[in-house]
N, C-alpha and C. Protein backbone atom coordinates (compact mmCIF):
# COMPACT_ATOMS: atom_id res chain seq x y z
N MET A 1 -23.70 -50.79 19.25
CA MET A 1 -23.23 -49.80 20.19
C MET A 1 -22.24 -48.88 19.47
N LYS A 2 -22.43 -47.61 19.62
CA LYS A 2 -21.58 -46.63 18.97
C LYS A 2 -20.37 -46.31 19.86
N LYS A 3 -19.22 -46.34 19.25
CA LYS A 3 -18.01 -45.98 20.00
C LYS A 3 -17.88 -44.47 20.02
N SER A 4 -17.59 -43.94 21.17
CA SER A 4 -17.41 -42.50 21.26
C SER A 4 -15.98 -42.14 20.87
N LYS A 5 -15.84 -40.97 20.31
CA LYS A 5 -14.52 -40.47 19.92
C LYS A 5 -13.81 -39.97 21.17
N PRO A 6 -12.52 -40.31 21.33
CA PRO A 6 -11.80 -39.86 22.53
C PRO A 6 -11.75 -38.34 22.60
N ASN A 7 -11.82 -37.83 23.79
CA ASN A 7 -11.76 -36.40 24.02
C ASN A 7 -10.30 -35.97 24.00
N ASP A 8 -9.93 -35.15 23.03
CA ASP A 8 -8.54 -34.71 22.89
C ASP A 8 -8.07 -33.85 24.05
N SER A 9 -8.99 -33.36 24.87
CA SER A 9 -8.58 -32.51 25.98
C SER A 9 -8.16 -33.32 27.21
N LEU A 10 -8.38 -34.63 27.19
CA LEU A 10 -7.99 -35.46 28.32
C LEU A 10 -6.49 -35.75 28.28
N LYS A 11 -5.88 -35.70 29.44
CA LYS A 11 -4.46 -36.06 29.55
C LYS A 11 -4.40 -37.54 29.91
N ILE A 12 -3.88 -38.35 28.97
CA ILE A 12 -3.85 -39.80 29.13
C ILE A 12 -2.40 -40.28 29.13
N LEU A 13 -2.09 -41.13 30.10
CA LEU A 13 -0.77 -41.75 30.19
C LEU A 13 -0.96 -43.25 30.01
N LYS A 14 -0.24 -43.83 29.04
CA LYS A 14 -0.37 -45.26 28.76
C LYS A 14 0.97 -45.96 28.97
N PHE A 15 0.92 -47.06 29.70
CA PHE A 15 2.07 -47.93 29.89
C PHE A 15 1.77 -49.25 29.18
N PRO A 16 2.45 -49.55 28.07
CA PRO A 16 2.18 -50.80 27.36
C PRO A 16 2.65 -52.03 28.15
N GLU A 17 3.59 -51.81 29.07
CA GLU A 17 4.11 -52.93 29.87
C GLU A 17 4.70 -52.35 31.15
N MET A 18 5.03 -53.23 32.07
CA MET A 18 5.68 -52.80 33.29
C MET A 18 7.04 -52.23 32.93
N SER A 19 7.37 -51.10 33.51
CA SER A 19 8.63 -50.43 33.22
C SER A 19 9.06 -49.66 34.47
N ASP A 20 10.24 -49.08 34.41
CA ASP A 20 10.69 -48.25 35.53
C ASP A 20 9.71 -47.09 35.76
N GLU A 21 9.25 -46.48 34.67
CA GLU A 21 8.31 -45.36 34.79
C GLU A 21 7.00 -45.82 35.41
N TRP A 22 6.51 -47.00 35.02
CA TRP A 22 5.29 -47.57 35.59
C TRP A 22 5.47 -47.79 37.09
N LEU A 23 6.60 -48.40 37.48
CA LEU A 23 6.88 -48.66 38.89
C LEU A 23 6.97 -47.37 39.68
N ASP A 24 7.62 -46.35 39.10
CA ASP A 24 7.73 -45.06 39.78
C ASP A 24 6.36 -44.45 40.03
N LEU A 25 5.48 -44.51 39.04
CA LEU A 25 4.14 -43.95 39.22
C LEU A 25 3.37 -44.72 40.28
N ILE A 26 3.45 -46.05 40.27
CA ILE A 26 2.77 -46.86 41.29
C ILE A 26 3.29 -46.48 42.67
N ALA A 27 4.61 -46.37 42.80
CA ALA A 27 5.22 -46.04 44.10
C ALA A 27 4.77 -44.65 44.56
N GLN A 28 4.77 -43.69 43.66
CA GLN A 28 4.36 -42.34 44.02
C GLN A 28 2.90 -42.30 44.47
N CYS A 29 2.04 -42.98 43.71
CA CYS A 29 0.61 -42.99 44.06
C CYS A 29 0.38 -43.68 45.41
N ARG A 30 1.07 -44.78 45.65
CA ARG A 30 0.93 -45.50 46.92
C ARG A 30 1.43 -44.68 48.10
N ASN A 31 2.32 -43.72 47.82
CA ASN A 31 2.83 -42.85 48.88
C ASN A 31 2.04 -41.54 48.98
N GLY A 32 0.90 -41.47 48.27
CA GLY A 32 0.01 -40.32 48.40
C GLY A 32 0.24 -39.18 47.44
N LYS A 33 1.21 -39.30 46.56
CA LYS A 33 1.46 -38.24 45.59
C LYS A 33 0.43 -38.32 44.47
N THR A 34 -0.04 -37.18 44.02
CA THR A 34 -1.01 -37.14 42.93
C THR A 34 -0.30 -36.88 41.61
N HIS A 35 -1.02 -37.09 40.52
CA HIS A 35 -0.48 -36.81 39.19
C HIS A 35 -1.48 -35.96 38.43
N ASN A 36 -1.10 -35.49 37.27
CA ASN A 36 -1.95 -34.58 36.50
C ASN A 36 -2.65 -35.25 35.32
N TYR A 37 -2.77 -36.56 35.35
CA TYR A 37 -3.41 -37.27 34.25
C TYR A 37 -4.88 -37.54 34.59
N ASP A 38 -5.71 -37.47 33.55
CA ASP A 38 -7.12 -37.82 33.71
C ASP A 38 -7.31 -39.33 33.71
N ILE A 39 -6.51 -40.00 32.90
CA ILE A 39 -6.60 -41.46 32.75
C ILE A 39 -5.19 -42.03 32.72
N VAL A 40 -4.98 -43.11 33.45
CA VAL A 40 -3.72 -43.84 33.39
C VAL A 40 -4.06 -45.28 33.03
N GLU A 41 -3.48 -45.77 31.94
CA GLU A 41 -3.70 -47.13 31.49
C GLU A 41 -2.40 -47.91 31.58
N GLY A 42 -2.50 -49.17 31.97
CA GLY A 42 -1.31 -50.00 32.01
C GLY A 42 -1.57 -51.29 32.73
N PRO A 43 -0.51 -52.07 32.93
CA PRO A 43 -0.65 -53.34 33.62
C PRO A 43 -1.19 -53.14 35.03
N MET A 44 -2.06 -54.04 35.43
CA MET A 44 -2.60 -53.98 36.78
C MET A 44 -1.67 -54.70 37.74
N ALA A 45 -1.59 -54.18 38.92
CA ALA A 45 -0.79 -54.82 39.96
C ALA A 45 -1.70 -55.79 40.72
N ASP A 46 -1.84 -57.03 40.20
CA ASP A 46 -2.65 -58.04 40.88
C ASP A 46 -1.94 -58.47 42.17
N ASP A 47 -2.48 -59.44 42.86
CA ASP A 47 -1.92 -59.85 44.16
C ASP A 47 -0.44 -60.23 44.06
N THR A 48 -0.10 -60.99 43.04
CA THR A 48 1.29 -61.43 42.89
C THR A 48 2.20 -60.24 42.61
N VAL A 49 1.82 -59.42 41.65
CA VAL A 49 2.63 -58.26 41.31
C VAL A 49 2.67 -57.29 42.48
N TRP A 50 1.53 -57.11 43.15
CA TRP A 50 1.49 -56.18 44.28
C TRP A 50 2.48 -56.59 45.36
N ASN A 51 2.66 -57.87 45.59
CA ASN A 51 3.63 -58.32 46.59
C ASN A 51 5.03 -57.82 46.23
N TYR A 52 5.39 -57.90 44.95
CA TYR A 52 6.69 -57.39 44.51
C TYR A 52 6.77 -55.87 44.64
N VAL A 53 5.68 -55.18 44.25
CA VAL A 53 5.65 -53.72 44.39
C VAL A 53 5.83 -53.34 45.85
N ASN A 54 5.10 -54.01 46.72
CA ASN A 54 5.19 -53.71 48.15
C ASN A 54 6.61 -53.99 48.68
N ASP A 55 7.20 -55.10 48.24
CA ASP A 55 8.57 -55.41 48.65
C ASP A 55 9.54 -54.32 48.17
N PHE A 56 9.31 -53.79 46.97
CA PHE A 56 10.14 -52.70 46.46
C PHE A 56 9.93 -51.44 47.29
N LEU A 57 8.68 -51.12 47.57
CA LEU A 57 8.37 -49.90 48.33
C LEU A 57 8.94 -49.93 49.74
N THR A 58 8.98 -51.11 50.33
CA THR A 58 9.48 -51.22 51.69
C THR A 58 10.98 -51.49 51.75
N GLY A 59 11.63 -51.59 50.58
CA GLY A 59 13.07 -51.76 50.54
C GLY A 59 13.55 -53.20 50.67
N ARG A 60 12.63 -54.16 50.64
CA ARG A 60 13.03 -55.57 50.76
C ARG A 60 13.68 -56.10 49.48
N ILE A 61 13.33 -55.48 48.33
CA ILE A 61 13.98 -55.85 47.06
C ILE A 61 14.37 -54.56 46.34
N SER A 62 15.34 -54.66 45.47
CA SER A 62 15.80 -53.51 44.69
C SER A 62 14.96 -53.36 43.43
N ARG A 63 15.16 -52.24 42.76
CA ARG A 63 14.48 -52.02 41.47
C ARG A 63 14.88 -53.12 40.49
N LYS A 64 16.16 -53.49 40.49
CA LYS A 64 16.64 -54.52 39.57
C LYS A 64 15.98 -55.86 39.88
N GLN A 65 15.82 -56.19 41.16
CA GLN A 65 15.16 -57.45 41.53
C GLN A 65 13.68 -57.44 41.14
N PHE A 66 13.05 -56.27 41.23
CA PHE A 66 11.66 -56.18 40.83
C PHE A 66 11.51 -56.56 39.38
């Protein structure tokens, strides 16, 4: 299988790990805000992580607790 060369015209945002910026983007997207990236790569918010994200979004925990 031949690997295709990445398209340099794509706007790609990569998060190597969960971070404040990652959390901010998740929160913005969950609140309906769009972004200008073609591809966003990073940690997935599985069920366990999503519970913490949801608790943060609803104000049950702080950013520091997250």
